[in-house]
């Protein structure tokens, strides 16, 4: 049972990335899914969450640029990041909530994918 993130990389400011979070060994459709990021030396920050019904939630600082989605048929959740800024540079993690809604109590965590925004 694990979550695996992918899709990170080096991108220029203003570019876009789509991060993926694929679950294996369990069905993602029973859980809300959250995306987090962590900058070295700083605490991990939650940026978005999506319920099993598909209701999205975003932290104010990323609204309008980040889009969370899920495809339960593929057992995968996604985070689309547009208009990337250097301050978006971080390791991005996904995690499953213990509930079908975004309760803030996370259970399974992925290993993270690095996003670097630089010219």
PDB file of N, CA and C in Angstrom:
ATOM      1  N   UNK A   1       0.850  -1.173   0.000  1.00  0.00           N
ATOM      2  CA  UNK A   1       0.000   0.000   0.000  1.00  0.00           C
ATOM      3  C   UNK A   1       0.890   1.228   0.000  1.00  0.00           C
ATOM      4  N   UNK A   2       0.785   1.984  -1.082  1.00  0.00           N
ATOM      5  CA  UNK A   2       1.637   3.156  -1.162  1.00  0.00           C
ATOM      6  C   UNK A   2       1.064   4.178  -2.125  1.00  0.00           C
ATOM      7  N   UNK A   3       1.583   5.397  -1.970  1.00  0.00           N
ATOM      8  CA  UNK A   3       1.298   6.481  -2.889  1.00  0.00           C
ATOM      9  C   UNK A   3       2.606   6.873  -3.555  1.00  0.00           C
ATOM     10  N   UNK A   4       2.551   7.105  -4.840  1.00  0.00           N
ATOM     11  CA  UNK A   4       3.748   7.499  -5.570  1.00  0.00           C
ATOM     12  C   UNK A   4       3.453   8.760  -6.362  1.00  0.00           C
ATOM     13  N   UNK A   5       4.203   9.819  -6.048  1.00  0.00           N
ATOM     14  CA  UNK A   5       4.069  11.058  -6.800  1.00  0.00           C
ATOM     15  C   UNK A   5       5.017  11.055  -7.998  1.00  0.00           C
ATOM     16  N   UNK A   6       4.628  11.762  -9.016  1.00  0.00           N
ATOM     17  CA  UNK A   6       5.480  11.941 -10.186  1.00  0.00           C
ATOM     18  C   UNK A   6       5.095  13.239 -10.873  1.00  0.00           C
ATOM     19  N   UNK A   7       5.917  13.652 -11.822  1.00  0.00           N
ATOM     20  CA  UNK A   7       5.600  14.830 -12.616  1.00  0.00           C
ATOM     21  C   UNK A   7       6.373  16.069 -12.250  1.00  0.00           C
ATOM     22  N   UNK A   8       7.164  16.000 -11.206  1.00  0.00           N
ATOM     23  CA  UNK A   8       7.974  17.153 -10.847  1.00  0.00           C
ATOM     24  C   UNK A   8       9.118  17.348 -11.818  1.00  0.00           C
ATOM     25  N   UNK A   9       9.819  18.450 -11.644  1.00  0.00           N
ATOM     26  CA  UNK A   9      10.958  18.728 -12.505  1.00  0.00           C
ATOM     27  C   UNK A   9      11.365  20.175 -12.438  1.00  0.00           C
ATOM     28  N   UNK A  10      12.217  20.543 -13.371  1.00  0.00           N
ATOM     29  CA  UNK A  10      12.693  21.921 -13.484  1.00  0.00           C
ATOM     30  C   UNK A  10      11.863  22.637 -14.542  1.00  0.00           C
ATOM     31  N   UNK A  11      11.312  23.770 -14.193  1.00  0.00           N
ATOM     32  CA  UNK A  11      10.471  24.515 -15.125  1.00  0.00           C
ATOM     33  C   UNK A  11      10.758  26.002 -14.984  1.00  0.00           C
ATOM     34  N   UNK A  12      10.605  26.726 -16.061  1.00  0.00           N
ATOM     35  CA  UNK A  12      10.838  28.167 -16.026  1.00  0.00           C
ATOM     36  C   UNK A  12       9.659  28.895 -15.388  1.00  0.00           C
ATOM     37  N   UNK A  13       9.902  30.045 -14.810  1.00  0.00           N
ATOM     38  CA  UNK A  13       8.790  30.842 -14.277  1.00  0.00           C
ATOM     39  C   UNK A  13       7.732  31.075 -15.346  1.00  0.00           C
ATOM     40  N   UNK A  14       6.479  30.955 -14.938  1.00  0.00           N
ATOM     41  CA  UNK A  14       5.376  31.109 -15.868  1.00  0.00           C
ATOM     42  C   UNK A  14       4.926  29.813 -16.499  1.00  0.00           C
ATOM     43  N   UNK A  15       5.707  28.777 -16.336  1.00  0.00           N
ATOM     44  CA  UNK A  15       5.369  27.481 -16.899  1.00  0.00           C
ATOM     45  C   UNK A  15       4.341  26.728 -16.072  1.00  0.00           C
ATOM     46  N   UNK A  16       4.068  25.509 -16.510  1.00  0.00           N
ATOM     47  CA  UNK A  16       3.072  24.671 -15.851  1.00  0.00           C
ATOM     48  C   UNK A  16       3.618  23.265 -15.633  1.00  0.00           C
ATOM     49  N   UNK A  17       3.048  22.614 -14.652  1.00  0.00           N
ATOM     50  CA  UNK A  17       3.345  21.207 -14.387  1.00  0.00           C
ATOM     51  C   UNK A  17       2.069  20.525 -13.940  1.00  0.00           C
ATOM     52  N   UNK A  18       1.975  19.240 -14.211  1.00  0.00           N
ATOM     53  CA  UNK A  18       0.907  18.440 -13.632  1.00  0.00           C
ATOM     54  C   UNK A  18       1.539  17.312 -12.830  1.00  0.00           C
ATOM     55  N   UNK A  19       1.302  17.350 -11.541  1.00  0.00           N
ATOM     56  CA  UNK A  19       1.798  16.313 -10.654  1.00  0.00           C
ATOM     57  C   UNK A  19       0.757  15.209 -10.540  1.00  0.00           C
ATOM     58  N   UNK A  20       1.239  13.980 -10.448  1.00  0.00           N
ATOM     59  CA  UNK A  20       0.356  12.828 -10.293  1.00  0.00           C
ATOM     60  C   UNK A  20       0.634  12.134  -8.972  1.00  0.00           C
ATOM     61  N   UNK A  21      -0.394  11.530  -8.442  1.00  0.00           N
ATOM     62  CA  UNK A  21      -0.310  10.790  -7.183  1.00  0.00           C
ATOM     63  C   UNK A  21      -1.054   9.483  -7.396  1.00  0.00           C
ATOM     64  N   UNK A  22      -0.321   8.424  -7.627  1.00  0.00           N
ATOM     65  CA  UNK A  22      -0.939   7.132  -7.929  1.00  0.00           C
ATOM     66  C   UNK A  22      -0.896   6.240  -6.705  1.00  0.00           C
ATOM     67  N   UNK A  23      -2.039   5.663  -6.397  1.00  0.00           N
ATOM     68  CA  UNK A  23      -2.148   4.739  -5.277  1.00  0.00           C
ATOM     69  C   UNK A  23      -1.996   3.306  -5.776  1.00  0.00           C
ATOM     70  N   UNK A  24      -1.337   2.500  -4.979  1.00  0.00           N
ATOM     71  CA  UNK A  24      -1.240   1.073  -5.281  1.00  0.00           C
ATOM     72  C   UNK A  24      -1.488   0.282  -4.007  1.00  0.00           C
ATOM     73  N   UNK A  25      -2.181  -0.839  -4.155  1.00  0.00           N
ATOM     74  CA  UNK A  25      -2.467  -1.687  -3.007  1.00  0.00           C
ATOM     75  C   UNK A  25      -3.734  -1.328  -2.265  1.00  0.00           C
ATOM     76  N   UNK A  26      -4.388  -0.243  -2.668  1.00  0.00           N
ATOM     77  CA  UNK A  26      -5.659   0.130  -2.065  1.00  0.00           C
ATOM     78  C   UNK A  26      -6.393   1.042  -3.040  1.00  0.00           C
ATOM     79  N   UNK A  27      -7.680   1.215  -2.800  1.00  0.00           N
ATOM     80  CA  UNK A  27      -8.497   2.042  -3.683  1.00  0.00           C
ATOM     81  C   UNK A  27      -8.554   3.462  -3.171  1.00  0.00           C
ATOM     82  N   UNK A  28      -8.129   4.365  -4.029  1.00  0.00           N
ATOM     83  CA  UNK A  28      -8.098   5.777  -3.656  1.00  0.00           C
ATOM     84  C   UNK A  28      -9.493   6.351  -3.486  1.00  0.00           C
ATOM     85  N   UNK A  29     -10.499   5.726  -4.108  1.00  0.00           N
ATOM     86  CA  UNK A  29     -11.817   6.352  -4.132  1.00  0.00           C
ATOM     87  C   UNK A  29     -12.533   6.352  -2.787  1.00  0.00           C
ATOM     88  N   UNK A  30     -11.952   5.725  -1.772  1.00  0.00           N
ATOM     89  CA  UNK A  30     -12.560   5.776  -0.440  1.00  0.00           C
ATOM     90  C   UNK A  30     -12.073   6.970   0.377  1.00  0.00           C
ATOM     91  N   UNK A  31     -11.103   7.717  -0.152  1.00  0.00           N
ATOM     92  CA  UNK A  31     -10.435   8.745   0.649  1.00  0.00           C
ATOM     93  C   UNK A  31     -10.371  10.091  -0.058  1.00  0.00           C
ATOM     94  N   UNK A  32     -10.475  11.138   0.746  1.00  0.00           N
ATOM     95  CA  UNK A  32     -10.076  12.445   0.240  1.00  0.00           C
ATOM     96  C   UNK A  32      -8.554  12.440   0.073  1.00  0.00           C
ATOM     97  N   UNK A  33      -8.063  13.284  -0.819  1.00  0.00           N
ATOM     98  CA  UNK A  33      -6.629  13.338  -1.105  1.00  0.00           C
ATOM     99  C   UNK A  33      -6.136  14.767  -0.957  1.00  0.00           C
ATOM    100  N   UNK A  34      -5.042  14.924  -0.289  1.00  0.00           N
ATOM    101  CA  UNK A  34      -4.445  16.245  -0.116  1.00  0.00           C
ATOM    102  C   UNK A  34      -3.088  16.341  -0.777  1.00  0.00           C
ATOM    103  N   UNK A  35      -2.741  17.551  -1.181  1.00  0.00           N
ATOM    104  CA  UNK A  35      -1.407  17.857  -1.684  1.00  0.00           C
ATOM    105  C   UNK A  35      -0.741  18.851  -0.738  1.00  0.00           C
ATOM    106  N   UNK A  36       0.535  18.625  -0.514  1.00  0.00           N
ATOM    107  CA  UNK A  36       1.324  19.435   0.398  1.00  0.00           C
ATOM    108  C   UNK A  36       2.637  19.814  -0.288  1.00  0.00           C
ATOM    109  N   UNK A  37       3.316  20.809   0.257  1.00  0.00           N
ATOM    110  CA  UNK A  37       4.656  21.112  -0.223  1.00  0.00           C
ATOM    111  C   UNK A  37       5.530  21.519   0.951  1.00  0.00           C
ATOM    112  N   UNK A  38       6.812  21.286   0.770  1.00  0.00           N
ATOM    113  CA  UNK A  38       7.751  21.626   1.829  1.00  0.00           C
ATOM    114  C   UNK A  38       9.010  22.227   1.226  1.00  0.00           C
ATOM    115  N   UNK A  39       9.309  23.415   1.694  1.00  0.00           N
ATOM    116  CA  UNK A  39      10.542  24.095   1.318  1.00  0.00           C
ATOM    117  C   UNK A  39      11.580  23.771   2.385  1.00  0.00           C
ATOM    118  N   UNK A  40      12.825  23.507   1.982  1.00  0.00           N
ATOM    119  CA  UNK A  40      13.845  23.191   2.989  1.00  0.00           C
ATOM    120  C   UNK A  40      13.907  24.229   4.095  1.00  0.00           C
ATOM    121  N   UNK A  41      13.896  23.734   5.335  1.00  0.00           N
ATOM    122  CA  UNK A  41      13.973  24.629   6.475  1.00  0.00           C
ATOM    123  C   UNK A  41      12.638  25.167   6.934  1.00  0.00           C
ATOM    124  N   UNK A  42      11.575  24.807   6.206  1.00  0.00           N
ATOM    125  CA  UNK A  42      10.239  25.287   6.576  1.00  0.00           C
ATOM    126  C   UNK A  42       9.307  24.108   6.825  1.00  0.00           C
ATOM    127  N   UNK A  43       8.221  24.381   7.491  1.00  0.00           N
ATOM    128  CA  UNK A  43       7.239  23.337   7.768  1.00  0.00           C
ATOM    129  C   UNK A  43       6.478  22.962   6.498  1.00  0.00           C
ATOM    130  N   UNK A  44       6.010  21.730   6.466  1.00  0.00           N
ATOM    131  CA  UNK A  44       5.202  21.283   5.346  1.00  0.00           C
ATOM    132  C   UNK A  44       3.873  22.047   5.336  1.00  0.00           C
ATOM    133  N   UNK A  45       3.456  22.462   4.159  1.00  0.00           N
ATOM    134  CA  UNK A  45       2.256  23.292   4.000  1.00  0.00           C
ATOM    135  C   UNK A  45       1.235  22.549   3.155  1.00  0.00           C
ATOM    136  N   UNK A  46       0.020  22.475   3.631  1.00  0.00           N
ATOM    137  CA  UNK A  46      -1.051  21.924   2.814  1.00  0.00           C
ATOM    138  C   UNK A  46      -1.490  22.948   1.792  1.00  0.00           C
ATOM    139  N   UNK A  47      -1.633  22.536   0.520  1.00  0.00           N
ATOM    140  CA  UNK A  47      -2.012  23.492  -0.509  1.00  0.00           C
ATOM    141  C   UNK A  47      -3.381  23.204  -1.124  1.00  0.00           C
ATOM    142  N   UNK A  48      -3.797  21.954  -1.130  1.00  0.00           N
ATOM    143  CA  UNK A  48      -5.078  21.625  -1.744  1.00  0.00           C
ATOM    144  C   UNK A  48      -5.558  20.277  -1.232  1.00  0.00           C
ATOM    145  N   UNK A  49      -6.870  20.087  -1.356  1.00  0.00           N
ATOM    146  CA  UNK A  49      -7.459  18.816  -0.966  1.00  0.00           C
ATOM    147  C   UNK A  49      -8.691  18.586  -1.832  1.00  0.00           C
ATOM    148  N   UNK A  50      -8.992  17.325  -2.099  1.00  0.00           N
ATOM    149  CA  UNK A  50     -10.191  17.007  -2.867  1.00  0.00           C
ATOM    150  C   UNK A  50     -10.920  15.862  -2.182  1.00  0.00           C
ATOM    151  N   UNK A  51     -12.221  16.023  -2.000  1.00  0.00           N
ATOM    152  CA  UNK A  51     -13.022  14.984  -1.366  1.00  0.00           C
ATOM    153  C   UNK A  51     -13.317  13.860  -2.354  1.00  0.00           C
ATOM    154  N   UNK A  52     -13.913  12.789  -1.864  1.00  0.00           N
ATOM    155  CA  UNK A  52     -14.278  11.696  -2.761  1.00  0.00           C
ATOM    156  C   UNK A  52     -15.361  12.117  -3.743  1.00  0.00           C
ATOM    157  N   UNK A  53     -16.119  13.142  -3.382  1.00  0.00           N
ATOM    158  CA  UNK A  53     -17.146  13.660  -4.295  1.00  0.00           C
ATOM    159  C   UNK A  53     -16.548  14.577  -5.358  1.00  0.00           C
ATOM    160  N   UNK A  54     -15.272  14.943  -5.170  1.00  0.00           N
ATOM    161  CA  UNK A  54     -14.635  15.831  -6.131  1.00  0.00           C
ATOM    162  C   UNK A  54     -14.668  17.292  -5.733  1.00  0.00           C
ATOM    163  N   UNK A  55     -15.075  17.582  -4.506  1.00  0.00           N
ATOM    164  CA  UNK A  55     -15.087  18.965  -4.037  1.00  0.00           C
ATOM    165  C   UNK A  55     -13.661  19.395  -3.733  1.00  0.00           C
ATOM    166  N   UNK A  56     -13.171  20.470  -4.387  1.00  0.00           N
ATOM    167  CA  UNK A  56     -11.792  20.906  -4.167  1.00  0.00           C
ATOM    168  C   UNK A  56     -11.709  21.999  -3.109  1.00  0.00           C
ATOM    169  N   UNK A  57     -10.585  22.036  -2.426  1.00  0.00           N
ATOM    170  CA  UNK A  57     -10.297  23.078  -1.447  1.00  0.00           C
ATOM    171  C   UNK A  57      -8.847  23.506  -1.648  1.00  0.00           C
ATOM    172  N   UNK A  58      -8.617  24.824  -1.530  1.00  0.00           N
ATOM    173  CA  UNK A  58      -7.279  25.371  -1.747  1.00  0.00           C
ATOM    174  C   UNK A  58      -6.911  26.348  -0.648  1.00  0.00           C
ATOM    175  N   UNK A  59      -5.628  26.380  -0.341  1.00  0.00           N
ATOM    176  CA  UNK A  59      -5.148  27.445   0.527  1.00  0.00           C
ATOM    177  C   UNK A  59      -5.160  28.735  -0.300  1.00  0.00           C
ATOM    178  N   UNK A  60      -5.399  29.846   0.350  1.00  0.00           N
ATOM    179  CA  UNK A  60      -5.595  31.112  -0.369  1.00  0.00           C
ATOM    180  C   UNK A  60      -4.417  31.457  -1.280  1.00  0.00           C
ATOM    181  N   UNK A  61      -3.221  31.111  -0.865  1.00  0.00           N
ATOM    182  CA  UNK A  61      -2.035  31.536  -1.612  1.00  0.00           C
ATOM    183  C   UNK A  61      -1.910  30.868  -2.977  1.00  0.00           C
ATOM    184  N   UNK A  62      -2.659  29.790  -3.214  1.00  0.00           N
ATOM    185  CA  UNK A  62      -2.528  29.093  -4.504  1.00  0.00           C
ATOM    186  C   UNK A  62      -3.810  29.147  -5.333  1.00  0.00           C
ATOM    187  N   UNK A  63      -4.847  29.730  -4.798  1.00  0.00           N
ATOM    188  CA  UNK A  63      -6.109  29.812  -5.535  1.00  0.00           C
ATOM    189  C   UNK A  63      -5.911  30.527  -6.863  1.00  0.00           C
ATOM    190  N   UNK A  64      -6.486  29.955  -7.899  1.00  0.00           N
ATOM    191  CA  UNK A  64      -6.377  30.536  -9.231  1.00  0.00           C
ATOM    192  C   UNK A  64      -5.215  29.990 -10.037  1.00  0.00           C
ATOM    193  N   UNK A  65      -4.245  29.364  -9.392  1.00  0.00           N
ATOM    194  CA  UNK A  65      -3.091  28.798 -10.109  1.00  0.00           C
ATOM    195  C   UNK A  65      -3.008  27.276  -9.977  1.00  0.00           C
ATOM    196  N   UNK A  66      -3.517  26.732  -8.880  1.00  0.00           N
ATOM    197  CA  UNK A  66      -3.449  25.296  -8.635  1.00  0.00           C
ATOM    198  C   UNK A  66      -4.842  24.693  -8.875  1.00  0.00           C
ATOM    199  N   UNK A  67      -4.865  23.531  -9.490  1.00  0.00           N
ATOM    200  CA  UNK A  67      -6.112  22.814  -9.693  1.00  0.00           C
ATOM    201  C   UNK A  67      -5.915  21.362  -9.286  1.00  0.00           C
ATOM    202  N   UNK A  68      -6.699  20.921  -8.312  1.00  0.00           N
ATOM    203  CA  UNK A  68      -6.629  19.542  -7.858  1.00  0.00           C
ATOM    204  C   UNK A  68      -7.742  18.750  -8.528  1.00  0.00           C
ATOM    205  N   UNK A  69      -7.453  17.518  -8.878  1.00  0.00           N
ATOM    206  CA  UNK A  69      -8.455  16.668  -9.505  1.00  0.00           C
ATOM    207  C   UNK A  69      -8.148  15.213  -9.161  1.00  0.00           C
ATOM    208  N   UNK A  70      -9.060  14.346  -9.539  1.00  0.00           N
ATOM    209  CA  UNK A  70      -8.848  12.931  -9.285  1.00  0.00           C
ATOM    210  C   UNK A  70      -9.505  12.111 -10.382  1.00  0.00           C
ATOM    211  N   UNK A  71      -8.939  10.952 -10.656  1.00  0.00           N
ATOM    212  CA  UNK A  71      -9.502   9.989 -11.597  1.00  0.00           C
ATOM    213  C   UNK A  71      -9.461   8.650 -10.881  1.00  0.00           C
ATOM    214  N   UNK A  72     -10.563   8.310 -10.250  1.00  0.00           N
ATOM    215  CA  UNK A  72     -10.586   7.088  -9.443  1.00  0.00           C
ATOM    216  C   UNK A  72     -10.465   5.833 -10.305  1.00  0.00           C
ATOM    217  N   UNK A  73     -10.840   5.927 -11.560  1.00  0.00           N
ATOM    218  CA  UNK A  73     -10.670   4.776 -12.451  1.00  0.00           C
ATOM    219  C   UNK A  73      -9.186   4.448 -12.642  1.00  0.00           C
ATOM    220  N   UNK A  74      -8.350   5.491 -12.545  1.00  0.00           N
ATOM    221  CA  UNK A  74      -6.906   5.309 -12.660  1.00  0.00           C
ATOM    222  C   UNK A  74      -6.228   5.264 -11.296  1.00  0.00           C
ATOM    223  N   UNK A  75      -7.050   5.376 -10.238  1.00  0.00           N
ATOM    224  CA  UNK A  75      -6.513   5.343  -8.865  1.00  0.00           C
ATOM    225  C   UNK A  75      -5.459   6.427  -8.654  1.00  0.00           C
ATOM    226  N   UNK A  76      -5.726   7.581  -9.243  1.00  0.00           N
ATOM    227  CA  UNK A  76      -4.726   8.651  -9.290  1.00  0.00           C
ATOM    228  C   UNK A  76      -5.376  10.007  -9.017  1.00  0.00           C
ATOM    229  N   UNK A  77      -4.646  10.826  -8.282  1.00  0.00           N
ATOM    230  CA  UNK A  77      -5.032  12.224  -8.086  1.00  0.00           C
ATOM    231  C   UNK A  77      -3.968  13.096  -8.748  1.00  0.00           C
ATOM    232  N   UNK A  78      -4.376  14.329  -9.056  1.00  0.00           N
ATOM    233  CA  UNK A  78      -3.487  15.219  -9.791  1.00  0.00           C
ATOM    234  C   UNK A  78      -3.457  16.601  -9.151  1.00  0.00           C
ATOM    235  N   UNK A  79      -2.370  17.307  -9.403  1.00  0.00           N
ATOM    236  CA  UNK A  79      -2.277  18.717  -9.040  1.00  0.00           C
ATOM    237  C   UNK A  79      -1.686  19.453 -10.231  1.00  0.00           C
ATOM    238  N   UNK A  80      -2.521  20.237 -10.878  1.00  0.00           N
ATOM    239  CA  UNK A  80      -2.085  21.077 -11.985  1.00  0.00           C
ATOM    240  C   UNK A  80      -1.615  22.403 -11.413  1.00  0.00           C
ATOM    241  N   UNK A  81      -0.410  22.797 -11.758  1.00  0.00           N
ATOM    242  CA  UNK A  81       0.144  24.060 -11.267  1.00  0.00           C
ATOM    243  C   UNK A  81       0.467  24.933 -12.472  1.00  0.00           C
ATOM    244  N   UNK A  82      -0.170  26.065 -12.561  1.00  0.00           N
ATOM    245  CA  UNK A  82       0.045  27.002 -13.662  1.00  0.00           C
ATOM    246  C   UNK A  82       0.728  28.274 -13.163  1.00  0.00           C
ATOM    247  N   UNK A  83       1.248  29.030 -14.089  1.00  0.00           N
ATOM    248  CA  UNK A  83       1.909  30.308 -13.768  1.00  0.00           C
ATOM    249  C   UNK A  83       2.899  30.133 -12.622  1.00  0.00           C
ATOM    250  N   UNK A  84       3.755  29.141 -12.778  1.00  0.00           N
ATOM    251  CA  UNK A  84       4.701  28.808 -11.704  1.00  0.00           C
ATOM    252  C   UNK A  84       5.612  29.975 -11.372  1.00  0.00           C
ATOM    253  N   UNK A  85       5.890  30.092 -10.077  1.00  0.00           N
ATOM    254  CA  UNK A  85       6.752  31.146  -9.556  1.00  0.00           C
ATOM    255  C   UNK A  85       7.945  30.511  -8.850  1.00  0.00           C
ATOM    256  N   UNK A  86       9.047  31.209  -8.757  1.00  0.00           N
ATOM    257  CA  UNK A  86      10.194  30.641  -8.027  1.00  0.00           C
ATOM    258  C   UNK A  86       9.840  30.210  -6.605  1.00  0.00           C
ATOM    259  N   UNK A  87       8.926  30.913  -5.975  1.00  0.00           N
ATOM    260  CA  UNK A  87       8.544  30.554  -4.604  1.00  0.00           C
ATOM    261  C   UNK A  87       7.713  29.285  -4.523  1.00  0.00           C
ATOM    262  N   UNK A  88       7.329  28.723  -5.667  1.00  0.00           N
ATOM    263  CA  UNK A  88       6.660  27.424  -5.680  1.00  0.00           C
ATOM    264  C   UNK A  88       7.655  26.271  -5.585  1.00  0.00           C
ATOM    265  N   UNK A  89       8.937  26.584  -5.661  1.00  0.00           N
ATOM    266  CA  UNK A  89       9.961  25.547  -5.557  1.00  0.00           C
ATOM    267  C   UNK A  89       9.859  24.853  -4.210  1.00  0.00           C
ATOM    268  N   UNK A  90       9.702  23.534  -4.259  1.00  0.00           N
ATOM    269  CA  UNK A  90       9.496  22.744  -3.045  1.00  0.00           C
ATOM    270  C   UNK A  90       9.411  21.277  -3.421  1.00  0.00           C
ATOM    271  N   UNK A  91       9.404  20.434  -2.415  1.00  0.00           N
ATOM    272  CA  UNK A  91       9.032  19.029  -2.611  1.00  0.00           C
ATOM    273  C   UNK A  91       7.534  18.942  -2.382  1.00  0.00           C
ATOM    274  N   UNK A  92       6.845  18.354  -3.330  1.00  0.00           N
ATOM    275  CA  UNK A  92       5.393  18.225  -3.253  1.00  0.00           C
ATOM    276  C   UNK A  92       5.031  16.787  -2.894  1.00  0.00           C
ATOM    277  N   UNK A  93       4.136  16.667  -1.926  1.00  0.00           N
ATOM    278  CA  UNK A  93       3.688  15.380  -1.427  1.00  0.00           C
ATOM    279  C   UNK A  93       2.172  15.260  -1.588  1.00  0.00           C
ATOM    280  N   UNK A  94       1.724  14.027  -1.758  1.00  0.00           N
ATOM    281  CA  UNK A  94       0.285  13.768  -1.661  1.00  0.00           C
ATOM    282  C   UNK A  94       0.053  12.842  -0.470  1.00  0.00           C
ATOM    283  N   UNK A  95      -1.168  12.859   0.007  1.00  0.00           N
ATOM    284  CA  UNK A  95      -1.539  12.026   1.150  1.00  0.00           C
ATOM    285  C   UNK A  95      -3.029  11.748   1.107  1.00  0.00           C
ATOM    286  N   UNK A  96      -3.420  10.602   1.643  1.00  0.00           N
ATOM    287  CA  UNK A  96      -4.840  10.282   1.723  1.00  0.00           C
ATOM    288  C   UNK A  96      -5.365  10.663   3.104  1.00  0.00           C
ATOM    289  N   UNK A  97      -6.523  11.298   3.102  1.00  0.00           N
ATOM    290  CA  UNK A  97      -7.199  11.605   4.352  1.00  0.00           C
ATOM    291  C   UNK A  97      -7.802  10.312   4.911  1.00  0.00           C
ATOM    292  N   UNK A  98      -8.077  10.305   6.193  1.00  0.00           N
ATOM    293  CA  UNK A  98      -8.731   9.136   6.791  1.00  0.00           C
ATOM    294  C   UNK A  98     -10.227   9.115   6.467  1.00  0.00           C
ATOM    295  N   UNK A  99     -10.732  10.202   5.959  1.00  0.00           N
ATOM    296  CA  UNK A  99     -12.163  10.357   5.685  1.00  0.00           C
ATOM    297  C   UNK A  99     -12.411  10.544   4.189  1.00  0.00           C
ATOM    298  N   UNK A 100     -13.668  10.534   3.824  1.00  0.00           N
ATOM    299  CA  UNK A 100     -14.050  10.823   2.438  1.00  0.00           C
ATOM    300  C   UNK A 100     -14.026  12.319   2.159  1.00  0.00           C
ATOM    301  N   UNK A 101     -14.047  13.107   3.213  1.00  0.00           N
ATOM    302  CA  UNK A 101     -13.974  14.556   3.081  1.00  0.00           C
ATOM    303  C   UNK A 101     -12.623  15.028   3.629  1.00  0.00           C
ATOM    304  N   UNK A 102     -12.306  16.281   3.401  1.00  0.00           N
ATOM    305  CA  UNK A 102     -11.010  16.828   3.799  1.00  0.00           C
ATOM    306  C   UNK A 102     -11.036  17.186   5.284  1.00  0.00           C
ATOM    307  N   UNK A 103     -10.728  16.199   6.112  1.00  0.00           N
ATOM    308  CA  UNK A 103     -10.780  16.388   7.556  1.00  0.00           C
ATOM    309  C   UNK A 103      -9.473  16.911   8.129  1.00  0.00           C
ATOM    310  N   UNK A 104      -8.391  16.759   7.359  1.00  0.00           N
ATOM    311  CA  UNK A 104      -7.093  17.176   7.851  1.00  0.00           C
ATOM    312  C   UNK A 104      -6.335  16.097   8.603  1.00  0.00           C
ATOM    313  N   UNK A 105      -6.871  14.894   8.626  1.00  0.00           N
ATOM    314  CA  UNK A 105      -6.196  13.772   9.280  1.00  0.00           C
ATOM    315  C   UNK A 105      -5.705  12.821   8.202  1.00  0.00           C
ATOM    316  N   UNK A 106      -4.405  12.876   7.932  1.00  0.00           N
ATOM    317  CA  UNK A 106      -3.861  12.152   6.794  1.00  0.00           C
ATOM    318  C   UNK A 106      -3.193  10.857   7.207  1.00  0.00           C
ATOM    319  N   UNK A 107      -3.273   9.874   6.322  1.00  0.00           N
ATOM    320  CA  UNK A 107      -2.845   8.518   6.659  1.00  0.00           C
ATOM    321  C   UNK A 107      -1.685   8.052   5.791  1.00  0.00           C
ATOM    322  N   UNK A 108      -1.936   7.749   4.529  1.00  0.00           N
ATOM    323  CA  UNK A 108      -0.869   7.336   3.626  1.00  0.00           C
ATOM    324  C   UNK A 108      -0.201   8.573   3.043  1.00  0.00           C
ATOM    325  N   UNK A 109       1.130   8.521   2.952  1.00  0.00           N
ATOM    326  CA  UNK A 109       1.897   9.610   2.375  1.00  0.00           C
ATOM    327  C   UNK A 109       2.785   9.082   1.255  1.00  0.00           C
ATOM    328  N   UNK A 110       2.977   9.884   0.238  1.00  0.00           N
ATOM    329  CA  UNK A 110       3.930   9.552  -0.797  1.00  0.00           C
ATOM    330  C   UNK A 110       5.324  10.020  -0.407  1.00  0.00           C
ATOM    331  N   UNK A 111       6.277   9.746  -1.279  1.00  0.00           N
ATOM    332  CA  UNK A 111       7.670  10.066  -0.981  1.00  0.00           C
ATOM    333  C   UNK A 111       8.059  11.454  -1.461  1.00  0.00           C
ATOM    334  N   UNK A 112       7.202  12.067  -2.245  1.00  0.00           N
ATOM    335  CA  UNK A 112       7.445  13.430  -2.687  1.00  0.00           C
ATOM    336  C   UNK A 112       8.059  13.516  -4.070  1.00  0.00           C
ATOM    337  N   UNK A 113       7.807  14.625  -4.734  1.00  0.00           N
ATOM    338  CA  UNK A 113       8.413  14.908  -6.033  1.00  0.00           C
ATOM    339  C   UNK A 113       8.900  16.354  -6.025  1.00  0.00           C
ATOM    340  N   UNK A 114      10.111  16.570  -6.511  1.00  0.00           N
ATOM    341  CA  UNK A 114      10.724  17.891  -6.457  1.00  0.00           C
ATOM    342  C   UNK A 114      10.229  18.758  -7.613  1.00  0.00           C
ATOM    343  N   UNK A 115       9.811  19.963  -7.278  1.00  0.00           N
ATOM    344  CA  UNK A 115       9.472  20.972  -8.277  1.00  0.00           C
ATOM    345  C   UNK A 115      10.437  22.138  -8.092  1.00  0.00           C
ATOM    346  N   UNK A 116      11.129  22.485  -9.147  1.00  0.00           N
ATOM    347  CA  UNK A 116      12.076  23.592  -9.113  1.00  0.00           C
ATOM    348  C   UNK A 116      11.698  24.582 -10.202  1.00  0.00           C
ATOM    349  N   UNK A 117      11.472  25.825  -9.806  1.00  0.00           N
ATOM    350  CA  UNK A 117      11.089  26.870 -10.750  1.00  0.00           C
ATOM    351  C   UNK A 117      12.247  27.857 -10.838  1.00  0.00           C
ATOM    352  N   UNK A 118      12.871  27.877 -11.983  1.00  0.00           N
ATOM    353  CA  UNK A 118      14.054  28.718 -12.150  1.00  0.00           C
ATOM    354  C   UNK A 118      14.292  28.978 -13.622  1.00  0.00           C
ATOM    355  N   UNK A 119      14.812  30.158 -13.918  1.00  0.00           N
ATOM    356  CA  UNK A 119      15.190  30.476 -15.292  1.00  0.00           C
ATOM    357  C   UNK A 119      16.670  30.156 -15.530  1.00  0.00           C
TER     358      UNK A 119
END
